[in-house]
Amino acid sequence: MGGRSVGFEIRLTLAMRPRRRSDGEPAEPGPAQQLSGRPALPAWLRSAQAYGVAALVLGAVTWFALVVLLKVALVSFGLVVALLLAALLEPGAGLLRRLGLPPALAAVVSVLVLLGVPVGVGLLLYSRGSPQISDLRSTVTAGLDDVRS
């Protein structure tokens, strides 16, 4: 690709004004005048028209894509989750591959780290909070008794 940009342009090929012959008389009318009998649209209006058409097409394509995604919601939800997980795991797996691990092993280690971090945090919180659960239970019970009475 190297520096080349790929883009799309909408161009309207309408004549801006009628052509004139050398003696000052109007020549053949331009394509827009031949079709409608009126002068061609100004450039700003043609540009606005092109942007409006592009916005309508983009809106229609977006609406159609959302309708299709809602029809296959279960599959599309799974696909979105898989893409998000892949995007989340790619930096770690890439680092492990650069460090010399085979790609399959780098992927497995990345998944284990992804699963291990929340489990580890949960176990840490449980070990810190489990001795206080009996105190919390008695405090909550006393508070509920106060509210009821």
C-alpha atoms as a PDB file:
ATOM      1  CA  MET A   1       0.000   0.000   0.000  1.00  0.00           C
ATOM      2  CA  GLY A   2       2.870   2.343   0.961  1.00  0.00           C
ATOM      3  CA  GLY A   3       1.441   5.854   1.140  1.00  0.00           C
ATOM      4  CA  ARG A   4      -1.414   5.433  -1.276  1.00  0.00           C
ATOM      5  CA  SER A   5      -4.847   6.242   0.040  1.00  0.00           C
ATOM      6  CA  VAL A   6      -7.967   4.619  -1.250  1.00  0.00           C
ATOM      7  CA  GLY A   7     -11.124   6.703  -1.297  1.00  0.00           C
ATOM      8  CA  PHE A   8     -14.413   7.180  -3.009  1.00  0.00           C
ATOM      9  CA  GLU A   9     -15.731  10.358  -4.560  1.00  0.00           C
ATOM     10  CA  ILE A  10     -19.185  11.256  -5.728  1.00  0.00           C
ATOM     11  CA  ARG A  11     -19.036  13.408  -8.819  1.00  0.00           C
ATOM     12  CA  LEU A  12     -21.976  14.867 -10.607  1.00  0.00           C
ATOM     13  CA  THR A  13     -21.360  15.624 -14.253  1.00  0.00           C
ATOM     14  CA  LEU A  14     -23.689  18.529 -14.786  1.00  0.00           C
ATOM     15  CA  ALA A  15     -22.747  21.622 -16.741  1.00  0.00           C
ATOM     16  CA  MET A  16     -22.293  24.713 -14.590  1.00  0.00           C
ATOM     17  CA  ARG A  17     -23.449  27.197 -17.206  1.00  0.00           C
ATOM     18  CA  PRO A  18     -24.366  27.074 -20.843  1.00  0.00           C
ATOM     19  CA  ARG A  19     -21.538  27.238 -23.348  1.00  0.00           C
ATOM     20  CA  ARG A  20     -21.275  30.308 -25.586  1.00  0.00           C
ATOM     21  CA  ARG A  21     -20.081  30.532 -29.111  1.00  0.00           C
ATOM     22  CA  SER A  22     -17.496  33.069 -30.203  1.00  0.00           C
ATOM     23  CA  ASP A  23     -20.210  35.489 -31.380  1.00  0.00           C
ATOM     24  CA  GLY A  24     -21.801  35.559 -27.893  1.00  0.00           C
ATOM     25  CA  GLU A  25     -24.847  33.473 -28.772  1.00  0.00           C
ATOM     26  CA  PRO A  26     -25.587  30.460 -26.542  1.00  0.00           C
ATOM     27  CA  ALA A  27     -24.267  27.206 -27.987  1.00  0.00           C
ATOM     28  CA  GLU A  28     -25.892  23.865 -27.457  1.00  0.00           C
ATOM     29  CA  PRO A  29     -27.401  23.592 -23.982  1.00  0.00           C
ATOM     30  CA  GLY A  30     -25.467  21.570 -21.417  1.00  0.00           C
ATOM     31  CA  PRO A  31     -26.614  18.127 -20.247  1.00  0.00           C
ATOM     32  CA  ALA A  32     -28.564  19.529 -17.292  1.00  0.00           C
ATOM     33  CA  GLN A  33     -30.414  22.001 -19.491  1.00  0.00           C
ATOM     34  CA  GLN A  34     -31.166  19.376 -22.105  1.00  0.00           C
ATOM     35  CA  LEU A  35     -32.873  17.203 -19.513  1.00  0.00           C
ATOM     36  CA  SER A  36     -34.796  19.828 -17.586  1.00  0.00           C
ATOM     37  CA  GLY A  37     -34.770  22.973 -19.674  1.00  0.00           C
ATOM     38  CA  ARG A  38     -33.463  24.904 -16.633  1.00  0.00           C
ATOM     39  CA  PRO A  39     -29.966  26.166 -15.840  1.00  0.00           C
ATOM     40  CA  ALA A  40     -27.603  23.782 -14.031  1.00  0.00           C
ATOM     41  CA  LEU A  41     -27.391  23.784 -10.229  1.00  0.00           C
ATOM     42  CA  PRO A  42     -24.703  25.864  -8.509  1.00  0.00           C
ATOM     43  CA  ALA A  43     -21.656  23.978  -7.277  1.00  0.00           C
ATOM     44  CA  TRP A  44     -22.510  24.383  -3.570  1.00  0.00           C
ATOM     45  CA  LEU A  45     -25.980  22.955  -4.130  1.00  0.00           C
ATOM     46  CA  ARG A  46     -24.627  19.998  -6.101  1.00  0.00           C
ATOM     47  CA  SER A  47     -22.127  19.364  -3.293  1.00  0.00           C
ATOM     48  CA  ALA A  48     -24.897  19.515  -0.684  1.00  0.00           C
ATOM     49  CA  GLN A  49     -26.956  17.151  -2.819  1.00  0.00           C
ATOM     50  CA  ALA A  50     -24.077  14.681  -3.050  1.00  0.00           C
ATOM     51  CA  TYR A  51     -23.502  14.777   0.717  1.00  0.00           C
ATOM     52  CA  GLY A  52     -27.225  14.318   1.327  1.00  0.00           C
ATOM     53  CA  VAL A  53     -27.383  11.298  -0.940  1.00  0.00           C
ATOM     54  CA  ALA A  54     -24.281   9.834   0.724  1.00  0.00           C
ATOM     55  CA  ALA A  55     -25.835  10.361   4.184  1.00  0.00           C
ATOM     56  CA  LEU A  56     -29.062   8.669   3.084  1.00  0.00           C
ATOM     57  CA  VAL A  57     -27.177   5.698   1.664  1.00  0.00           C
ATOM     58  CA  LEU A  58     -25.054   5.411   4.820  1.00  0.00           C
ATOM     59  CA  GLY A  59     -28.163   5.562   6.989  1.00  0.00           C
ATOM     60  CA  ALA A  60     -29.930   2.897   4.921  1.00  0.00           C
ATOM     61  CA  VAL A  61     -26.917   0.571   5.051  1.00  0.00           C
ATOM     62  CA  THR A  62     -26.579   1.086   8.823  1.00  0.00           C
ATOM     63  CA  TRP A  63     -30.285   0.387   9.360  1.00  0.00           C
ATOM     64  CA  PHE A  64     -30.105  -2.754   7.226  1.00  0.00           C
ATOM     65  CA  ALA A  65     -27.027  -3.990   9.102  1.00  0.00           C
ATOM     66  CA  LEU A  66     -28.732  -3.443  12.475  1.00  0.00           C
ATOM     67  CA  VAL A  67     -31.865  -5.279  11.326  1.00  0.00           C
ATOM     68  CA  VAL A  68     -29.762  -8.236  10.186  1.00  0.00           C
ATOM     69  CA  LEU A  69     -27.773  -8.214  13.453  1.00  0.00           C
ATOM     70  CA  LEU A  70     -30.977  -8.221  15.494  1.00  0.00           C
ATOM     71  CA  LYS A  71     -32.339 -11.156  13.498  1.00  0.00           C
ATOM     72  CA  VAL A  72     -29.259 -13.195  14.384  1.00  0.00           C
ATOM     73  CA  ALA A  73     -28.725 -11.676  17.833  1.00  0.00           C
ATOM     74  CA  LEU A  74     -27.306 -14.769  19.494  1.00  0.00           C
ATOM     75  CA  VAL A  75     -24.679 -15.293  16.822  1.00  0.00           C
ATOM     76  CA  SER A  76     -23.841 -11.592  16.546  1.00  0.00           C
ATOM     77  CA  PHE A  77     -23.498 -11.248  20.332  1.00  0.00           C
ATOM     78  CA  GLY A  78     -21.073 -14.174  20.415  1.00  0.00           C
ATOM     79  CA  LEU A  79     -19.149 -12.715  17.491  1.00  0.00           C
ATOM     80  CA  VAL A  80     -18.856  -9.304  19.190  1.00  0.00           C
ATOM     81  CA  VAL A  81     -17.661 -10.910  22.440  1.00  0.00           C
ATOM     82  CA  ALA A  82     -15.116 -13.006  20.547  1.00  0.00           C
ATOM     83  CA  LEU A  83     -13.806  -9.949  18.688  1.00  0.00           C
ATOM     84  CA  LEU A  84     -13.493  -7.970  21.922  1.00  0.00           C
ATOM     85  CA  LEU A  85     -11.646 -10.815  23.637  1.00  0.00           C
ATOM     86  CA  ALA A  86      -9.327 -11.197  20.657  1.00  0.00           C
ATOM     87  CA  ALA A  87      -8.590  -7.473  20.731  1.00  0.00           C
ATOM     88  CA  LEU A  88      -7.960  -7.674  24.465  1.00  0.00           C
ATOM     89  CA  LEU A  89      -5.626 -10.666  24.230  1.00  0.00           C
ATOM     90  CA  GLU A  90      -3.638  -9.622  21.141  1.00  0.00           C
ATOM     91  CA  PRO A  91      -1.131  -7.276  22.841  1.00  0.00           C
ATOM     92  CA  GLY A  92      -0.156  -9.868  25.461  1.00  0.00           C
ATOM     93  CA  ALA A  93       0.026 -12.718  22.964  1.00  0.00           C
ATOM     94  CA  GLY A  94       2.067 -10.562  20.597  1.00  0.00           C
ATOM     95  CA  LEU A  95       4.520  -9.749  23.370  1.00  0.00           C
ATOM     96  CA  LEU A  96       4.878 -13.435  24.263  1.00  0.00           C
ATOM     97  CA  ARG A  97       5.446 -14.343  20.589  1.00  0.00           C
ATOM     98  CA  ARG A  98       8.148 -11.667  20.330  1.00  0.00           C
ATOM     99  CA  LEU A  99       9.772 -13.156  23.428  1.00  0.00           C
ATOM    100  CA  GLY A 100      10.049 -16.480  21.589  1.00  0.00           C
ATOM    101  CA  LEU A 101       6.998 -18.516  22.641  1.00  0.00           C
ATOM    102  CA  PRO A 102       5.171 -20.450  19.935  1.00  0.00           C
ATOM    103  CA  PRO A 103       1.891 -18.795  18.875  1.00  0.00           C
ATOM    104  CA  ALA A 104      -0.362 -21.514  20.364  1.00  0.00           C
ATOM    105  CA  LEU A 105       1.397 -21.395  23.725  1.00  0.00           C
ATOM    106  CA  ALA A 106       1.293 -17.577  23.728  1.00  0.00           C
ATOM    107  CA  ALA A 107      -2.481 -17.705  23.138  1.00  0.00           C
ATOM    108  CA  VAL A 108      -3.019 -20.246  25.949  1.00  0.00           C
ATOM    109  CA  VAL A 109      -0.928 -18.210  28.394  1.00  0.00           C
ATOM    110  CA  SER A 110      -2.848 -15.050  27.453  1.00  0.00           C
ATOM    111  CA  VAL A 111      -6.203 -16.761  28.085  1.00  0.00           C
ATOM    112  CA  LEU A 112      -4.996 -18.163  31.416  1.00  0.00           C
ATOM    113  CA  VAL A 113      -3.826 -14.708  32.494  1.00  0.00           C
ATOM    114  CA  LEU A 114      -7.151 -13.211  31.380  1.00  0.00           C
ATOM    115  CA  LEU A 115      -9.054 -15.762  33.463  1.00  0.00           C
ATOM    116  CA  GLY A 116      -6.565 -15.831  36.339  1.00  0.00           C
ATOM    117  CA  VAL A 117      -6.505 -12.128  37.144  1.00  0.00           C
ATOM    118  CA  PRO A 118     -10.238 -11.777  38.023  1.00  0.00           C
ATOM    119  CA  VAL A 119     -10.223 -15.124  39.862  1.00  0.00           C
ATOM    120  CA  GLY A 120      -7.164 -14.054  41.852  1.00  0.00           C
ATOM    121  CA  VAL A 121      -8.733 -10.715  42.758  1.00  0.00           C
ATOM    122  CA  GLY A 122     -11.915 -12.496  43.823  1.00  0.00           C
ATOM    123  CA  LEU A 123     -10.012 -14.945  46.017  1.00  0.00           C
ATOM    124  CA  LEU A 124      -8.029 -12.102  47.593  1.00  0.00           C
ATOM    125  CA  LEU A 125     -11.204 -10.209  48.408  1.00  0.00           C
ATOM    126  CA  TYR A 126     -12.854 -13.344  49.782  1.00  0.00           C
ATOM    127  CA  SER A 127      -9.886 -14.177  52.011  1.00  0.00           C
ATOM    128  CA  ARG A 128      -9.833 -10.619  53.375  1.00  0.00           C
ATOM    129  CA  GLY A 129     -13.592 -10.391  53.873  1.00  0.00           C
ATOM    130  CA  SER A 130     -14.582 -13.883  55.034  1.00  0.00           C
ATOM    131  CA  PRO A 131     -13.679 -13.336  58.726  1.00  0.00           C
ATOM    132  CA  GLN A 132     -15.910 -10.265  58.787  1.00  0.00           C
ATOM    133  CA  ILE A 133     -18.989 -11.951  57.310  1.00  0.00           C
ATOM    134  CA  SER A 134     -20.360 -13.079  60.699  1.00  0.00           C
ATOM    135  CA  ASP A 135     -20.043  -9.514  62.041  1.00  0.00           C
ATOM    136  CA  LEU A 136     -21.704  -8.161  58.906  1.00  0.00           C
ATOM    137  CA  ARG A 137     -24.552 -10.683  59.207  1.00  0.00           C
ATOM    138  CA  SER A 138     -25.363  -9.621  62.786  1.00  0.00           C
ATOM    139  CA  THR A 139     -25.140  -5.918  61.864  1.00  0.00           C
ATOM    140  CA  VAL A 140     -27.473  -6.323  58.864  1.00  0.00           C
ATOM    141  CA  THR A 141     -29.954  -8.362  60.932  1.00  0.00           C
ATOM    142  CA  ALA A 142     -30.004  -5.695  63.666  1.00  0.00           C
ATOM    143  CA  GLY A 143     -30.476  -2.945  61.069  1.00  0.00           C
ATOM    144  CA  LEU A 144     -33.394  -4.770  59.456  1.00  0.00           C
ATOM    145  CA  ASP A 145     -35.000  -5.290  62.873  1.00  0.00           C
ATOM    146  CA  ASP A 146     -34.704  -1.536  63.542  1.00  0.00           C
ATOM    147  CA  VAL A 147     -36.312  -0.697  60.207  1.00  0.00           C
ATOM    148  CA  ARG A 148     -39.196  -3.130  60.739  1.00  0.00           C
ATOM    149  CA  SER A 149     -40.020  -1.778  64.203  1.00  0.00           C
END
